[in-house]
Amino acid sequence: MTQPHEMTEDDKIEAALAALDQPQPEAQAEDSLALPKTIEADLPASPTLAELDATRRPKVKTVCETCPNSVWFTSTMEVKCYCRVMFLVTWSTKEPTQITGCDGKFLGQE
């Protein structure tokens, strides 16, 4: 009867290096976060915005619409977005600033 081959230290190092070369599930998930999905791009992440009539939403898309750090709020007269990262109102119907790029949505992600 033959004994199963015991791994030498070199075999273990080689196996560990081979495992490092394999794509990790977390890396694949991070890559998918970087690419916007068509469905998600069409729908605002904010429940407040999603419930609003499309005519009251920003006409030009802003990153704030899908950012987890944005707080959208409405009144009968106005719609506003407050940014919890920059501590300011980033969009309102009276001052419709189109922020098209921001790193704030990546804060708190590892």
C-alpha atoms as a PDB file:
ATOM      1  CA  MET A   1       0.000   0.000   0.000  1.00  0.00           C
ATOM      2  CA  THR A   2       1.402   3.407  -0.916  1.00  0.00           C
ATOM      3  CA  GLN A   3       1.415   6.313   1.486  1.00  0.00           C
ATOM      4  CA  PRO A   4      -0.310   9.520   0.323  1.00  0.00           C
ATOM      5  CA  HIS A   5       2.194  12.141  -0.743  1.00  0.00           C
ATOM      6  CA  GLU A   6       2.907  14.510   2.138  1.00  0.00           C
ATOM      7  CA  MET A   7       3.311  18.131   1.101  1.00  0.00           C
ATOM      8  CA  THR A   8       6.739  19.577   1.609  1.00  0.00           C
ATOM      9  CA  GLU A   9       7.238  23.188   2.633  1.00  0.00           C
ATOM     10  CA  ASP A  10       7.996  24.045  -1.015  1.00  0.00           C
ATOM     11  CA  ASP A  11       4.754  22.337  -2.119  1.00  0.00           C
ATOM     12  CA  LYS A  12       2.778  24.380   0.422  1.00  0.00           C
ATOM     13  CA  ILE A  13       4.399  27.644  -0.748  1.00  0.00           C
ATOM     14  CA  GLU A  14       3.694  26.773  -4.379  1.00  0.00           C
ATOM     15  CA  ALA A  15       0.040  25.993  -3.557  1.00  0.00           C
ATOM     16  CA  ALA A  16      -0.309  29.268  -1.644  1.00  0.00           C
ATOM     17  CA  LEU A  17       1.146  31.267  -4.543  1.00  0.00           C
ATOM     18  CA  ALA A  18      -1.192  29.509  -6.980  1.00  0.00           C
ATOM     19  CA  ALA A  19      -4.167  30.407  -4.759  1.00  0.00           C
ATOM     20  CA  LEU A  20      -3.109  34.064  -4.765  1.00  0.00           C
ATOM     21  CA  ASP A  21      -3.219  34.092  -8.550  1.00  0.00           C
ATOM     22  CA  GLN A  22      -6.906  33.092  -8.526  1.00  0.00           C
ATOM     23  CA  PRO A  23      -9.487  35.950  -8.652  1.00  0.00           C
ATOM     24  CA  GLN A  24     -11.158  36.417  -5.288  1.00  0.00           C
ATOM     25  CA  PRO A  25     -14.973  36.804  -5.003  1.00  0.00           C
ATOM     26  CA  GLU A  26     -14.557  40.145  -3.184  1.00  0.00           C
ATOM     27  CA  ALA A  27     -12.389  41.530  -5.993  1.00  0.00           C
ATOM     28  CA  GLN A  28     -15.002  40.512  -8.533  1.00  0.00           C
ATOM     29  CA  ALA A  29     -17.734  42.210  -6.470  1.00  0.00           C
ATOM     30  CA  GLU A  30     -15.695  45.424  -6.240  1.00  0.00           C
ATOM     31  CA  ASP A  31     -15.171  45.400 -10.011  1.00  0.00           C
ATOM     32  CA  SER A  32     -18.912  45.095 -10.536  1.00  0.00           C
ATOM     33  CA  LEU A  33     -19.503  48.097  -8.244  1.00  0.00           C
ATOM     34  CA  ALA A  34     -17.318  50.248 -10.468  1.00  0.00           C
ATOM     35  CA  LEU A  35     -19.459  49.551 -13.525  1.00  0.00           C
ATOM     36  CA  PRO A  36     -22.902  51.154 -13.468  1.00  0.00           C
ATOM     37  CA  LYS A  37     -25.778  48.807 -14.181  1.00  0.00           C
ATOM     38  CA  THR A  38     -28.330  50.053 -16.697  1.00  0.00           C
ATOM     39  CA  ILE A  39     -31.303  49.171 -14.506  1.00  0.00           C
ATOM     40  CA  GLU A  40     -29.831  50.877 -11.441  1.00  0.00           C
ATOM     41  CA  ALA A  41     -28.818  53.920 -13.482  1.00  0.00           C
ATOM     42  CA  ASP A  42     -32.434  54.423 -14.595  1.00  0.00           C
ATOM     43  CA  LEU A  43     -33.924  54.239 -11.120  1.00  0.00           C
ATOM     44  CA  PRO A  44     -33.021  56.530  -8.229  1.00  0.00           C
ATOM     45  CA  ALA A  45     -31.826  54.693  -5.121  1.00  0.00           C
ATOM     46  CA  SER A  46     -33.699  57.148  -2.928  1.00  0.00           C
ATOM     47  CA  PRO A  47     -37.229  56.038  -2.023  1.00  0.00           C
ATOM     48  CA  THR A  48     -38.176  59.714  -1.780  1.00  0.00           C
ATOM     49  CA  LEU A  49     -37.070  60.370  -5.381  1.00  0.00           C
ATOM     50  CA  ALA A  50     -38.578  57.124  -6.646  1.00  0.00           C
ATOM     51  CA  GLU A  51     -41.990  58.132  -5.287  1.00  0.00           C
ATOM     52  CA  LEU A  52     -41.836  61.581  -6.873  1.00  0.00           C
ATOM     53  CA  ASP A  53     -43.328  62.343 -10.228  1.00  0.00           C
ATOM     54  CA  ALA A  54     -40.530  62.321 -12.819  1.00  0.00           C
ATOM     55  CA  THR A  55     -41.138  66.019 -13.539  1.00  0.00           C
ATOM     56  CA  ARG A  56     -39.979  66.898  -9.996  1.00  0.00           C
ATOM     57  CA  ARG A  57     -36.749  64.853 -10.183  1.00  0.00           C
ATOM     58  CA  PRO A  58     -33.470  66.253 -11.527  1.00  0.00           C
ATOM     59  CA  LYS A  59     -33.679  66.613 -15.321  1.00  0.00           C
ATOM     60  CA  VAL A  60     -29.959  65.907 -15.761  1.00  0.00           C
ATOM     61  CA  LYS A  61     -28.757  62.838 -13.837  1.00  0.00           C
ATOM     62  CA  THR A  62     -26.616  63.506 -10.770  1.00  0.00           C
ATOM     63  CA  VAL A  63     -24.526  61.080  -8.724  1.00  0.00           C
ATOM     64  CA  CYS A  64     -26.555  62.114  -5.693  1.00  0.00           C
ATOM     65  CA  GLU A  65     -29.561  60.196  -7.020  1.00  0.00           C
ATOM     66  CA  THR A  66     -27.857  56.862  -6.334  1.00  0.00           C
ATOM     67  CA  CYS A  67     -25.523  57.825  -3.488  1.00  0.00           C
ATOM     68  CA  PRO A  68     -26.159  56.203  -0.087  1.00  0.00           C
ATOM     69  CA  ASN A  69     -24.865  59.371   1.620  1.00  0.00           C
ATOM     70  CA  SER A  70     -27.497  61.647   0.094  1.00  0.00           C
ATOM     71  CA  VAL A  71     -30.697  62.543   1.895  1.00  0.00           C
ATOM     72  CA  TRP A  72     -33.508  63.668  -0.401  1.00  0.00           C
ATOM     73  CA  PHE A  73     -36.464  65.547   1.016  1.00  0.00           C
ATOM     74  CA  THR A  74     -39.495  67.254  -0.431  1.00  0.00           C
ATOM     75  CA  SER A  75     -42.089  69.852   0.320  1.00  0.00           C
ATOM     76  CA  THR A  76     -45.010  70.994  -1.772  1.00  0.00           C
ATOM     77  CA  MET A  77     -42.798  73.740  -3.198  1.00  0.00           C
ATOM     78  CA  GLU A  78     -39.336  72.196  -3.489  1.00  0.00           C
ATOM     79  CA  VAL A  79     -37.161  69.070  -3.676  1.00  0.00           C
ATOM     80  CA  LYS A  80     -33.704  69.100  -2.043  1.00  0.00           C
ATOM     81  CA  CYS A  81     -30.761  66.802  -1.524  1.00  0.00           C
ATOM     82  CA  TYR A  82     -28.494  67.089   1.507  1.00  0.00           C
ATOM     83  CA  CYS A  83     -25.063  65.438   1.369  1.00  0.00           C
ATOM     84  CA  ARG A  84     -23.967  63.784   4.631  1.00  0.00           C
ATOM     85  CA  VAL A  85     -20.343  63.797   3.433  1.00  0.00           C
ATOM     86  CA  MET A  86     -19.956  67.422   2.314  1.00  0.00           C
ATOM     87  CA  PHE A  87     -22.529  68.769   4.814  1.00  0.00           C
ATOM     88  CA  LEU A  88     -24.376  70.897   2.275  1.00  0.00           C
ATOM     89  CA  VAL A  89     -27.401  70.937   0.022  1.00  0.00           C
ATOM     90  CA  THR A  90     -26.097  69.547  -3.257  1.00  0.00           C
ATOM     91  CA  TRP A  91     -29.266  69.866  -5.332  1.00  0.00           C
ATOM     92  CA  SER A  92     -32.555  71.686  -5.113  1.00  0.00           C
ATOM     93  CA  THR A  93     -35.274  72.656  -7.546  1.00  0.00           C
ATOM     94  CA  LYS A  94     -34.304  76.297  -6.939  1.00  0.00           C
ATOM     95  CA  GLU A  95     -30.573  75.601  -7.494  1.00  0.00           C
ATOM     96  CA  PRO A  96     -30.288  72.467  -9.659  1.00  0.00           C
ATOM     97  CA  THR A  97     -26.538  71.808  -9.489  1.00  0.00           C
ATOM     98  CA  GLN A  98     -25.617  68.770 -11.584  1.00  0.00           C
ATOM     99  CA  ILE A  99     -22.881  66.953  -9.657  1.00  0.00           C
ATOM    100  CA  THR A 100     -21.759  64.260 -12.073  1.00  0.00           C
ATOM    101  CA  GLY A 101     -18.817  62.830 -10.153  1.00  0.00           C
ATOM    102  CA  CYS A 102     -18.064  62.355  -6.463  1.00  0.00           C
ATOM    103  CA  ASP A 103     -16.117  59.898  -4.289  1.00  0.00           C
ATOM    104  CA  GLY A 104     -18.537  60.257  -1.384  1.00  0.00           C
ATOM    105  CA  LYS A 105     -20.502  57.134  -2.274  1.00  0.00           C
ATOM    106  CA  PHE A 106     -17.382  55.022  -1.704  1.00  0.00           C
ATOM    107  CA  LEU A 107     -16.818  56.195   1.876  1.00  0.00           C
ATOM    108  CA  GLY A 108     -17.327  53.456   4.416  1.00  0.00           C
ATOM    109  CA  GLN A 109     -16.804  50.673   1.874  1.00  0.00           C
ATOM    110  CA  GLU A 110     -13.841  48.400   2.324  1.00  0.00           C
END
